[in-house]
Amino acid sequence: MFIPGKKPRFFTLVTLAAILILTGLAYGGNANVIKMATTTSTENSGLLDVLLPEFTEDTGIGVKVFAKGTGAALRDGMDGNVDIVFVHAKEDEERFVAQGYGAYRFGVMHNDFVILGPGDDPAGIRGSSSAIWALKKIFDRKAMFISRGDDSGTHKKEQALWKAARLPLNRQTKEFVKKGKRQSMIFLYPEGLGKWYMSIGQGMGKALTYAEEKRAYTLSDRGTYLKYRFGRKRGLDLDILCEGDPLLHNPYGIIPINPKVHPHVKFRWADTLAKWVVSAKAQRLIAGFKIQGRQAFFPDALPGAE
């Protein structure tokens, strides 16, 4: 029965349903969604395709992923653009927490970096377990080297290795404006930029394909290399030429954004994700994640998980 001054029950239900649908669409189909900035390696390797559906099934919380270099991911966290970051530059991550942007950091897993190159290996580094020696050989031969040049965790590691090799380095400051604020990044690179050393400002996948095209050397995380070499039909015509150096260790950490700095972040759900990723279930999923039978990551919160 229609009562003057009151909306029909049917109208109310339809209106409520429309609101729920629109809310869901605004959050990608799930109102309980957090935003995560992460490194390209966790996405390119396929690991997130294994972890995140399980997390959502267990908790009802969706995760919208923004894959980029570690430096850019941490800047997103500093600006409060995301609720959580999952990256691989431990020193920078610890500084991020110490400065108050992150609530805490959990060590999640690790793999390693590898130096890749063409099969004919013009610099003669094949079989080396010393990253410093390998880079010195590449430098001496002026063999083409492709750098991501994007302030990612991989780029940060590369710069640290060039510095440790005690080679002549140049220093460049790149300035940019973000949200009206002028920011800067300092890059170190060996002499020969634009000649034998190419800085492309791209993610790992594009750096790999460009290095393949140019028959060049590059530094890669192992997970992305395995995906591109063995996890695709077209493969990747680059070989691992240097591996096993402790300097190439590559740990990953997850950090919820501090709600005291950015009160709008969904800290409760981000905290749930961080604790889930270091749970026994997630650590077993990480340990079990393989690319054509090859281990891509090793759990740190539960070492030895199978």
C-alpha atoms as a PDB file:
ATOM      1  CA  MET A   1       0.000   0.000   0.000  1.00  0.00           C
ATOM      2  CA  PHE A   2       1.263   3.457  -0.907  1.00  0.00           C
ATOM      3  CA  ILE A   3       1.358   5.877   2.036  1.00  0.00           C
ATOM      4  CA  PRO A   4       1.522   9.584   1.173  1.00  0.00           C
ATOM      5  CA  GLY A   5       4.787  11.157   2.251  1.00  0.00           C
ATOM      6  CA  LYS A   6       6.622   7.800   2.209  1.00  0.00           C
ATOM      7  CA  LYS A   7       8.537   6.189  -0.671  1.00  0.00           C
ATOM      8  CA  PRO A   8       7.424   2.728  -1.752  1.00  0.00           C
ATOM      9  CA  ARG A   9       9.505  -0.106  -0.313  1.00  0.00           C
ATOM     10  CA  PHE A  10      10.332  -1.251  -3.858  1.00  0.00           C
ATOM     11  CA  PHE A  11      11.755   2.177  -4.705  1.00  0.00           C
ATOM     12  CA  THR A  12      13.850   2.165  -1.550  1.00  0.00           C
ATOM     13  CA  LEU A  13      15.291  -1.251  -2.306  1.00  0.00           C
ATOM     14  CA  VAL A  14      16.104  -0.297  -5.889  1.00  0.00           C
ATOM     15  CA  THR A  15      17.783   2.908  -4.724  1.00  0.00           C
ATOM     16  CA  LEU A  16      19.813   1.020  -2.123  1.00  0.00           C
ATOM     17  CA  ALA A  17      20.885  -1.566  -4.688  1.00  0.00           C
ATOM     18  CA  ALA A  18      21.971   1.180  -7.093  1.00  0.00           C
ATOM     19  CA  ILE A  19      24.046   2.832  -4.380  1.00  0.00           C
ATOM     20  CA  LEU A  20      25.743  -0.457  -3.549  1.00  0.00           C
ATOM     21  CA  ILE A  21      26.502  -1.148  -7.216  1.00  0.00           C
ATOM     22  CA  LEU A  22      27.943   2.330  -7.761  1.00  0.00           C
ATOM     23  CA  THR A  23      30.038   2.039  -4.602  1.00  0.00           C
ATOM     24  CA  GLY A  24      31.341  -1.306  -5.749  1.00  0.00           C
ATOM     25  CA  LEU A  25      32.225   0.074  -9.172  1.00  0.00           C
ATOM     26  CA  ALA A  26      34.088   2.963  -7.589  1.00  0.00           C
ATOM     27  CA  TYR A  27      36.300   0.450  -5.779  1.00  0.00           C
ATOM     28  CA  GLY A  28      36.752  -1.911  -8.688  1.00  0.00           C
ATOM     29  CA  GLY A  29      33.802  -4.133  -7.770  1.00  0.00           C
ATOM     30  CA  ASN A  30      34.627  -4.467  -4.076  1.00  0.00           C
ATOM     31  CA  ALA A  31      34.032  -1.790  -1.445  1.00  0.00           C
ATOM     32  CA  ASN A  32      36.601  -3.444   0.833  1.00  0.00           C
ATOM     33  CA  VAL A  33      39.598  -2.590  -1.332  1.00  0.00           C
ATOM     34  CA  ILE A  34      43.031  -1.293  -0.434  1.00  0.00           C
ATOM     35  CA  LYS A  35      45.594   0.276  -2.739  1.00  0.00           C
ATOM     36  CA  MET A  36      49.049  -1.257  -2.839  1.00  0.00           C
ATOM     37  CA  ALA A  37      52.100   0.204  -4.547  1.00  0.00           C
ATOM     38  CA  THR A  38      54.580  -2.523  -5.360  1.00  0.00           C
ATOM     39  CA  THR A  39      57.629  -3.224  -7.430  1.00  0.00           C
ATOM     40  CA  THR A  40      57.201  -4.472 -10.975  1.00  0.00           C
ATOM     41  CA  SER A  41      58.980  -7.719 -10.107  1.00  0.00           C
ATOM     42  CA  THR A  42      56.206  -8.972  -7.828  1.00  0.00           C
ATOM     43  CA  GLU A  43      53.693  -8.394 -10.627  1.00  0.00           C
ATOM     44  CA  ASN A  44      55.796  -9.361 -13.658  1.00  0.00           C
ATOM     45  CA  SER A  45      56.841 -12.641 -12.071  1.00  0.00           C
ATOM     46  CA  GLY A  46      53.213 -13.675 -11.546  1.00  0.00           C
ATOM     47  CA  LEU A  47      53.550 -13.989  -7.766  1.00  0.00           C
ATOM     48  CA  LEU A  48      50.728 -11.553  -7.009  1.00  0.00           C
ATOM     49  CA  ASP A  49      48.394 -13.597  -9.205  1.00  0.00           C
ATOM     50  CA  VAL A  50      48.928 -16.415  -6.723  1.00  0.00           C
ATOM     51  CA  LEU A  51      48.911 -14.486  -3.450  1.00  0.00           C
ATOM     52  CA  LEU A  52      46.197 -11.851  -3.802  1.00  0.00           C
ATOM     53  CA  PRO A  53      43.236 -14.051  -4.805  1.00  0.00           C
ATOM     54  CA  GLU A  54      43.953 -16.243  -1.768  1.00  0.00           C
ATOM     55  CA  PHE A  55      44.120 -13.181   0.478  1.00  0.00           C
ATOM     56  CA  THR A  56      40.814 -11.856  -0.841  1.00  0.00           C
ATOM     57  CA  GLU A  57      39.176 -15.248  -0.416  1.00  0.00           C
ATOM     58  CA  ASP A  58      40.397 -15.479   3.187  1.00  0.00           C
ATOM     59  CA  THR A  59      39.530 -11.927   4.251  1.00  0.00           C
ATOM     60  CA  GLY A  60      37.038 -10.421   1.792  1.00  0.00           C
ATOM     61  CA  ILE A  61      39.479  -7.564   1.177  1.00  0.00           C
ATOM     62  CA  GLY A  62      40.411  -6.693  -2.397  1.00  0.00           C
ATOM     63  CA  VAL A  63      43.758  -5.236  -3.418  1.00  0.00           C
ATOM     64  CA  LYS A  64      44.248  -2.756  -6.252  1.00  0.00           C
ATOM     65  CA  VAL A  65      47.843  -2.985  -7.440  1.00  0.00           C
ATOM     66  CA  PHE A  66      50.005  -0.143  -8.724  1.00  0.00           C
ATOM     67  CA  ALA A  67      53.235  -1.700 -10.034  1.00  0.00           C
ATOM     68  CA  LYS A  68      56.171   0.661 -10.436  1.00  0.00           C
ATOM     69  CA  GLY A  69      59.741   1.161  -9.317  1.00  0.00           C
ATOM     70  CA  THR A  70      60.448   0.979  -5.593  1.00  0.00           C
ATOM     71  CA  GLY A  71      61.347   4.676  -5.395  1.00  0.00           C
ATOM     72  CA  ALA A  72      58.047   5.690  -6.979  1.00  0.00           C
ATOM     73  CA  ALA A  73      56.140   3.230  -4.783  1.00  0.00           C
ATOM     74  CA  LEU A  74      57.672   4.701  -1.632  1.00  0.00           C
ATOM     75  CA  ARG A  75      56.882   8.223  -2.833  1.00  0.00           C
ATOM     76  CA  ASP A  76      53.262   7.130  -3.268  1.00  0.00           C
ATOM     77  CA  GLY A  77      53.356   6.016   0.356  1.00  0.00           C
ATOM     78  CA  MET A  78      54.873   9.304   1.478  1.00  0.00           C
ATOM     79  CA  ASP A  79      52.098  11.189  -0.290  1.00  0.00           C
ATOM     80  CA  GLY A  80      49.362   8.947   1.136  1.00  0.00           C
ATOM     81  CA  ASN A  81      48.276   7.802  -2.317  1.00  0.00           C
ATOM     82  CA  VAL A  82      48.225   4.149  -1.272  1.00  0.00           C
ATOM     83  CA  ASP A  83      47.493   2.155   1.863  1.00  0.00           C
ATOM     84  CA  ILE A  84      50.486  -0.192   1.770  1.00  0.00           C
ATOM     85  CA  VAL A  85      53.767  -0.709  -0.104  1.00  0.00           C
ATOM     86  CA  PHE A  86      55.478  -3.996  -0.989  1.00  0.00           C
ATOM     87  CA  VAL A  87      58.975  -3.275  -2.312  1.00  0.00           C
ATOM     88  CA  HIS A  88      62.640  -4.338  -2.347  1.00  0.00           C
ATOM     89  CA  ALA A  89      65.126  -1.739  -1.153  1.00  0.00           C
ATOM     90  CA  LYS A  90      65.622  -2.554   2.521  1.00  0.00           C
ATOM     91  CA  GLU A  91      67.709   0.481   3.466  1.00  0.00           C
ATOM     92  CA  ASP A  92      65.167   2.855   1.926  1.00  0.00           C
ATOM     93  CA  GLU A  93      62.287   0.905   3.491  1.00  0.00           C
ATOM     94  CA  GLU A  94      63.794   1.208   6.959  1.00  0.00           C
ATOM     95  CA  ARG A  95      64.337   4.931   6.416  1.00  0.00           C
ATOM     96  CA  PHE A  96      60.696   5.216   5.261  1.00  0.00           C
ATOM     97  CA  VAL A  97      59.526   3.697   8.560  1.00  0.00           C
ATOM     98  CA  ALA A  98      62.004   5.709  10.655  1.00  0.00           C
ATOM     99  CA  GLN A  99      60.699   8.928   9.076  1.00  0.00           C
ATOM    100  CA  GLY A 100      57.194   7.984  10.183  1.00  0.00           C
ATOM    101  CA  TYR A 101      55.621   7.262   6.799  1.00  0.00           C
ATOM    102  CA  GLY A 102      55.377   3.530   7.444  1.00  0.00           C
ATOM    103  CA  ALA A 103      53.755   1.992  10.514  1.00  0.00           C
ATOM    104  CA  TYR A 104      56.223  -0.932  10.516  1.00  0.00           C
ATOM    105  CA  ARG A 105      58.070  -3.217   8.115  1.00  0.00           C
ATOM    106  CA  PHE A 106      57.778  -6.987   7.817  1.00  0.00           C
ATOM    107  CA  GLY A 107      60.428  -8.940   5.937  1.00  0.00           C
ATOM    108  CA  VAL A 108      58.474 -11.175   3.562  1.00  0.00           C
ATOM    109  CA  MET A 109      60.827 -12.986   1.192  1.00  0.00           C
ATOM    110  CA  HIS A 110      63.970 -12.731  -0.864  1.00  0.00           C
ATOM    111  CA  ASN A 111      65.523 -13.787  -4.108  1.00  0.00           C
ATOM    112  CA  ASP A 112      68.598 -12.360  -5.795  1.00  0.00           C
ATOM    113  CA  PHE A 113      69.759 -10.182  -8.620  1.00  0.00           C
ATOM    114  CA  VAL A 114      71.589 -11.615 -11.610  1.00  0.00           C
ATOM    115  CA  ILE A 115      73.708 -10.035 -14.316  1.00  0.00           C
ATOM    116  CA  LEU A 116      72.425 -11.071 -17.728  1.00  0.00           C
ATOM    117  CA  GLY A 117      73.955 -10.826 -21.133  1.00  0.00           C
ATOM    118  CA  PRO A 118      74.053 -12.241 -24.667  1.00  0.00           C
ATOM    119  CA  GLY A 119      75.277 -15.752 -25.289  1.00  0.00           C
ATOM    120  CA  ASP A 120      78.498 -14.614 -27.005  1.00  0.00           C
ATOM    121  CA  ASP A 121      79.395 -12.643 -23.822  1.00  0.00           C
ATOM    122  CA  PRO A 122      81.707  -9.969 -25.303  1.00  0.00           C
ATOM    123  CA  ALA A 123      82.886  -8.840 -21.850  1.00  0.00           C
ATOM    124  CA  GLY A 124      83.869 -12.389 -20.849  1.00  0.00           C
ATOM    125  CA  ILE A 125      82.054 -12.552 -17.502  1.00  0.00           C
ATOM    126  CA  ARG A 126      80.288 -15.920 -17.844  1.00  0.00           C
ATOM    127  CA  GLY A 127      80.460 -18.036 -14.690  1.00  0.00           C
ATOM    128  CA  SER A 128      81.546 -15.174 -12.443  1.00  0.00           C
ATOM    129  CA  SER A 129      80.301 -15.031  -8.855  1.00  0.00           C
ATOM    130  CA  SER A 130      81.669 -11.507  -8.300  1.00  0.00           C
ATOM    131  CA  ALA A 131      79.328  -8.732  -9.393  1.00  0.00           C
ATOM    132  CA  ILE A 132      82.068  -6.119  -8.902  1.00  0.00           C
ATOM    133  CA  TRP A 133      84.513  -8.000 -11.145  1.00  0.00           C
ATOM    134  CA  ALA A 134      81.811  -8.504 -13.776  1.00  0.00           C
ATOM    135  CA  LEU A 135      80.899  -4.812 -13.885  1.00  0.00           C
ATOM    136  CA  LYS A 136      84.555  -3.830 -14.125  1.00  0.00           C
ATOM    137  CA  LYS A 137      84.955  -6.139 -17.131  1.00  0.00           C
ATOM    138  CA  ILE A 138      81.851  -4.644 -18.775  1.00  0.00           C
ATOM    139  CA  PHE A 139      83.218  -1.154 -18.084  1.00  0.00           C
ATOM    140  CA  ASP A 140      86.695  -1.976 -19.445  1.00  0.00           C
ATOM    141  CA  ARG A 141      85.302  -3.482 -22.652  1.00  0.00           C
ATOM    142  CA  LYS A 142      82.681  -0.742 -22.978  1.00  0.00           C
ATOM    143  CA  ALA A 143      80.186  -3.521 -23.676  1.00  0.00           C
ATOM    144  CA  MET A 144      76.640  -2.217 -23.971  1.00  0.00           C
ATOM    145  CA  PHE A 145      74.776  -2.147 -20.657  1.00  0.00           C
ATOM    146  CA  ILE A 146      71.085  -1.342 -20.218  1.00  0.00           C
ATOM    147  CA  SER A 147      70.082   0.374 -16.981  1.00  0.00           C
ATOM    148  CA  ARG A 148      66.490   0.742 -15.867  1.00  0.00           C
ATOM    149  CA  GLY A 149      67.316   4.282 -14.746  1.00  0.00           C
ATOM    150  CA  ASP A 150      63.982   4.553 -12.948  1.00  0.00           C
ATOM    151  CA  ASP A 151      64.880   4.769  -9.232  1.00  0.00           C
ATOM    152  CA  SER A 152      63.562   1.235  -8.748  1.00  0.00           C
ATOM    153  CA  GLY A 153      65.008  -1.249  -6.270  1.00  0.00           C
ATOM    154  CA  THR A 154      66.928  -2.840  -9.139  1.00  0.00           C
ATOM    155  CA  HIS A 155      68.286   0.539 -10.234  1.00  0.00           C
ATOM    156  CA  LYS A 156      69.286   1.363  -6.654  1.00  0.00           C
ATOM    157  CA  LYS A 157      71.165  -1.944  -6.408  1.00  0.00           C
ATOM    158  CA  GLU A 158      72.897  -1.305  -9.731  1.00  0.00           C
ATOM    159  CA  GLN A 159      74.084   2.115  -8.583  1.00  0.00           C
ATOM    160  CA  ALA A 160      75.387   0.635  -5.333  1.00  0.00           C
ATOM    161  CA  LEU A 161      77.352  -1.972  -7.303  1.00  0.00           C
ATOM    162  CA  TRP A 162      78.939   0.608  -9.622  1.00  0.00           C
ATOM    163  CA  LYS A 163      79.918   2.626  -6.560  1.00  0.00           C
ATOM    164  CA  ALA A 164      81.387  -0.435  -4.848  1.00  0.00           C
ATOM    165  CA  ALA A 165      83.428  -1.157  -7.994  1.00  0.00           C
ATOM    166  CA  ARG A 166      85.246   2.177  -7.449  1.00  0.00           C
ATOM    167  CA  LEU A 167      84.890   3.174 -11.076  1.00  0.00           C
ATOM    168  CA  PRO A 168      84.702   6.775 -12.347  1.00  0.00           C
ATOM    169  CA  LEU A 169      81.080   7.799 -11.839  1.00  0.00           C
ATOM    170  CA  ASN A 170      79.029  10.801 -12.835  1.00  0.00           C
ATOM    171  CA  ARG A 171      76.260  12.249 -10.723  1.00  0.00           C
ATOM    172  CA  GLN A 172      73.023  13.573 -12.168  1.00  0.00           C
ATOM    173  CA  THR A 173      70.093  15.221 -10.412  1.00  0.00           C
ATOM    174  CA  LYS A 174      66.693  14.775 -12.013  1.00  0.00           C
ATOM    175  CA  GLU A 175      64.009  17.162 -10.853  1.00  0.00           C
ATOM    176  CA  PHE A 176      60.278  16.734 -11.243  1.00  0.00           C
ATOM    177  CA  VAL A 177      57.096  18.255  -9.859  1.00  0.00           C
ATOM    178  CA  LYS A 178      54.513  16.080  -8.128  1.00  0.00           C
ATOM    179  CA  LYS A 179      51.335  17.548  -6.664  1.00  0.00           C
ATOM    180  CA  GLY A 180      52.847  21.012  -6.899  1.00  0.00           C
ATOM    181  CA  LYS A 181      55.962  19.996  -4.957  1.00  0.00           C
ATOM    182  CA  ARG A 182      59.370  20.036  -6.567  1.00  0.00           C
ATOM    183  CA  GLN A 183      61.244  16.814  -5.911  1.00  0.00           C
ATOM    184  CA  SER A 184      64.597  15.481  -7.035  1.00  0.00           C
ATOM    185  CA  MET A 185      66.395  12.173  -7.531  1.00  0.00           C
ATOM    186  CA  ILE A 186      70.154  11.691  -7.668  1.00  0.00           C
ATOM    187  CA  PHE A 187      71.488   9.083 -10.085  1.00  0.00           C
ATOM    188  CA  LEU A 188      75.018   7.673 -10.281  1.00  0.00           C
ATOM    189  CA  TYR A 189      76.276   6.168 -13.518  1.00  0.00           C
ATOM    190  CA  PRO A 190      79.616   5.271 -15.095  1.00  0.00           C
ATOM    191  CA  GLU A 191      81.246   7.377 -17.786  1.00  0.00           C
ATOM    192  CA  GLY A 192      79.804   6.573 -21.186  1.00  0.00           C
ATOM    193  CA  LEU A 193      76.140   7.505 -20.821  1.00  0.00           C
ATOM    194  CA  GLY A 194      74.471   7.364 -24.219  1.00  0.00           C
ATOM    195  CA  LYS A 195      77.417   5.484 -25.747  1.00  0.00           C
ATOM    196  CA  TRP A 196      77.805   2.037 -24.192  1.00  0.00           C
ATOM    197  CA  TYR A 197      75.735   2.722 -21.035  1.00  0.00           C
ATOM    198  CA  MET A 198      72.052   3.280 -21.795  1.00  0.00           C
ATOM    199  CA  SER A 199      69.636   4.551 -19.112  1.00  0.00           C
ATOM    200  CA  ILE A 200      66.080   3.991 -20.370  1.00  0.00           C
ATOM    201  CA  GLY A 201      63.810   5.001 -17.462  1.00  0.00           C
ATOM    202  CA  GLN A 202      61.649   1.884 -17.838  1.00  0.00           C
ATOM    203  CA  GLY A 203      60.509  -1.122 -15.830  1.00  0.00           C
ATOM    204  CA  MET A 204      62.216  -4.492 -15.675  1.00  0.00           C
ATOM    205  CA  GLY A 205      60.257  -6.114 -18.468  1.00  0.00           C
ATOM    206  CA  LYS A 206      61.089  -3.393 -20.994  1.00  0.00           C
ATOM    207  CA  ALA A 207      64.711  -3.335 -19.835  1.00  0.00           C
ATOM    208  CA  LEU A 208      64.970  -7.073 -20.506  1.00  0.00           C
ATOM    209  CA  THR A 209      63.459  -6.887 -23.980  1.00  0.00           C
ATOM    210  CA  TYR A 210      65.628  -3.876 -24.870  1.00  0.00           C
ATOM    211  CA  ALA A 211      68.771  -5.638 -23.632  1.00  0.00           C
ATOM    212  CA  GLU A 212      67.821  -8.659 -25.732  1.00  0.00           C
ATOM    213  CA  GLU A 213      67.298  -6.470 -28.795  1.00  0.00           C
ATOM    214  CA  LYS A 214      70.639  -4.672 -28.349  1.00  0.00           C
ATOM    215  CA  ARG A 215      72.584  -7.813 -27.320  1.00  0.00           C
ATOM    216  CA  ALA A 216      73.488  -6.001 -24.130  1.00  0.00           C
ATOM    217  CA  TYR A 217      74.091  -6.680 -20.449  1.00  0.00           C
ATOM    218  CA  THR A 218      71.660  -5.734 -17.697  1.00  0.00           C
ATOM    219  CA  LEU A 219      70.884  -6.337 -14.033  1.00  0.00           C
ATOM    220  CA  SER A 220      67.617  -8.127 -13.236  1.00  0.00           C
ATOM    221  CA  ASP A 221      65.827  -9.639 -10.303  1.00  0.00           C
ATOM    222  CA  ARG A 222      65.726 -13.404 -10.757  1.00  0.00           C
ATOM    223  CA  GLY A 223      61.922 -13.686 -10.604  1.00  0.00           C
ATOM    224  CA  THR A 224      61.257 -11.408 -13.578  1.00  0.00           C
ATOM    225  CA  TYR A 225      64.072 -13.006 -15.571  1.00  0.00           C
ATOM    226  CA  LEU A 226      62.642 -16.495 -15.008  1.00  0.00           C
ATOM    227  CA  LYS A 227      59.199 -15.318 -16.074  1.00  0.00           C
ATOM    228  CA  TYR A 228      60.489 -13.747 -19.276  1.00  0.00           C
ATOM    229  CA  ARG A 229      62.909 -16.557 -20.107  1.00  0.00           C
ATOM    230  CA  PHE A 230      60.840 -19.625 -19.229  1.00  0.00           C
ATOM    231  CA  GLY A 231      57.295 -18.440 -18.520  1.00  0.00           C
ATOM    232  CA  ARG A 232      56.454 -17.076 -21.981  1.00  0.00           C
ATOM    233  CA  LYS A 233      56.141 -18.715 -25.368  1.00  0.00           C
ATOM    234  CA  ARG A 234      58.626 -16.347 -26.999  1.00  0.00           C
ATOM    235  CA  GLY A 235      61.223 -16.724 -24.230  1.00  0.00           C
ATOM    236  CA  LEU A 236      64.172 -14.367 -23.747  1.00  0.00           C
ATOM    237  CA  ASP A 237      67.538 -14.701 -25.453  1.00  0.00           C
ATOM    238  CA  LEU A 238      69.684 -13.591 -22.515  1.00  0.00           C
ATOM    239  CA  ASP A 239      71.766 -15.811 -20.217  1.00  0.00           C
ATOM    240  CA  ILE A 240      72.617 -15.540 -16.531  1.00  0.00           C
ATOM    241  CA  LEU A 241      76.325 -14.740 -16.644  1.00  0.00           C
ATOM    242  CA  CYS A 242      76.990 -13.680 -13.049  1.00  0.00           C
ATOM    243  CA  GLU A 243      75.175 -14.909  -9.941  1.00  0.00           C
ATOM    244  CA  GLY A 244      75.731 -16.024  -6.359  1.00  0.00           C
ATOM    245  CA  ASP A 245      77.444 -12.915  -4.993  1.00  0.00           C
ATOM    246  CA  PRO A 246      76.131 -11.968  -1.499  1.00  0.00           C
ATOM    247  CA  LEU A 247      76.014  -8.378  -2.806  1.00  0.00           C
ATOM    248  CA  LEU A 248      73.201  -9.517  -5.129  1.00  0.00           C
ATOM    249  CA  HIS A 249      70.882 -10.519  -2.262  1.00  0.00           C
ATOM    250  CA  ASN A 250      67.400  -9.045  -2.798  1.00  0.00           C
ATOM    251  CA  PRO A 251      65.024  -8.890   0.210  1.00  0.00           C
ATOM    252  CA  TYR A 252      61.390  -7.747  -0.045  1.00  0.00           C
ATOM    253  CA  GLY A 253      59.428  -5.966   2.680  1.00  0.00           C
ATOM    254  CA  ILE A 254      55.800  -4.943   3.180  1.00  0.00           C
ATOM    255  CA  ILE A 255      54.868  -1.703   4.968  1.00  0.00           C
ATOM    256  CA  PRO A 256      51.404  -0.371   5.878  1.00  0.00           C
ATOM    257  CA  ILE A 257      51.220   3.418   5.656  1.00  0.00           C
ATOM    258  CA  ASN A 258      51.155   5.127   9.045  1.00  0.00           C
ATOM    259  CA  PRO A 259      47.632   6.430   9.821  1.00  0.00           C
ATOM    260  CA  LYS A 260      49.141   9.038  12.164  1.00  0.00           C
ATOM    261  CA  VAL A 261      50.684  10.702   9.100  1.00  0.00           C
ATOM    262  CA  HIS A 262      47.825   9.971   6.686  1.00  0.00           C
ATOM    263  CA  PRO A 263      44.604   9.426   8.671  1.00  0.00           C
ATOM    264  CA  HIS A 264      42.605   8.613   5.525  1.00  0.00           C
ATOM    265  CA  VAL A 265      44.465   5.374   4.747  1.00  0.00           C
ATOM    266  CA  LYS A 266      42.716   2.051   5.337  1.00  0.00           C
ATOM    267  CA  PHE A 267      45.202   0.948   7.938  1.00  0.00           C
ATOM    268  CA  ARG A 268      43.139  -1.851   9.463  1.00  0.00           C
ATOM    269  CA  TRP A 269      42.845  -3.655   6.134  1.00  0.00           C
ATOM    270  CA  ALA A 270      46.464  -2.871   5.165  1.00  0.00           C
ATOM    271  CA  ASP A 271      47.576  -4.277   8.512  1.00  0.00           C
ATOM    272  CA  THR A 272      45.518  -7.401   7.758  1.00  0.00           C
ATOM    273  CA  LEU A 273      47.322  -7.841   4.424  1.00  0.00           C
ATOM    274  CA  ALA A 274      50.779  -7.336   5.947  1.00  0.00           C
ATOM    275  CA  LYS A 275      50.117  -9.921   8.654  1.00  0.00           C
ATOM    276  CA  TRP A 276      48.560 -12.342   6.162  1.00  0.00           C
ATOM    277  CA  VAL A 277      51.605 -12.166   3.841  1.00  0.00           C
ATOM    278  CA  VAL A 278      53.873 -13.342   6.669  1.00  0.00           C
ATOM    279  CA  SER A 279      51.440 -16.033   7.817  1.00  0.00           C
ATOM    280  CA  ALA A 280      52.232 -19.726   7.408  1.00  0.00           C
ATOM    281  CA  LYS A 281      49.774 -20.042   4.523  1.00  0.00           C
ATOM    282  CA  ALA A 282      51.208 -17.157   2.503  1.00  0.00           C
ATOM    283  CA  GLN A 283      54.787 -18.189   3.193  1.00  0.00           C
ATOM    284  CA  ARG A 284      54.014 -21.682   1.893  1.00  0.00           C
ATOM    285  CA  LEU A 285      52.461 -20.138  -1.230  1.00  0.00           C
ATOM    286  CA  ILE A 286      55.628 -18.091  -1.784  1.00  0.00           C
ATOM    287  CA  ALA A 287      57.816 -21.166  -1.296  1.00  0.00           C
ATOM    288  CA  GLY A 288      55.661 -23.137  -3.702  1.00  0.00           C
ATOM    289  CA  PHE A 289      55.641 -20.485  -6.422  1.00  0.00           C
ATOM    290  CA  LYS A 290      57.827 -21.734  -9.252  1.00  0.00           C
ATOM    291  CA  ILE A 291      58.298 -20.778 -12.883  1.00  0.00           C
ATOM    292  CA  GLN A 292      58.758 -23.889 -15.007  1.00  0.00           C
ATOM    293  CA  GLY A 293      59.989 -25.705 -11.905  1.00  0.00           C
ATOM    294  CA  ARG A 294      62.433 -22.955 -10.912  1.00  0.00           C
ATOM    295  CA  GLN A 295      62.198 -21.238  -7.524  1.00  0.00           C
ATOM    296  CA  ALA A 296      61.494 -17.517  -7.913  1.00  0.00           C
ATOM    297  CA  PHE A 297      61.284 -16.336  -4.273  1.00  0.00           C
ATOM    298  CA  PHE A 298      62.223 -17.720  -0.864  1.00  0.00           C
ATOM    299  CA  PRO A 299      60.131 -16.994   2.276  1.00  0.00           C
ATOM    300  CA  ASP A 300      61.785 -14.985   5.065  1.00  0.00           C
ATOM    301  CA  ALA A 301      59.041 -14.847   7.715  1.00  0.00           C
ATOM    302  CA  LEU A 302      58.903 -18.641   7.788  1.00  0.00           C
ATOM    303  CA  PRO A 303      62.230 -19.908   6.420  1.00  0.00           C
ATOM    304  CA  GLY A 304      62.063 -23.459   5.180  1.00  0.00           C
ATOM    305  CA  ALA A 305      58.341 -23.276   4.393  1.00  0.00           C
ATOM    306  CA  GLU A 306      57.261 -25.769   1.752  1.00  0.00           C
END
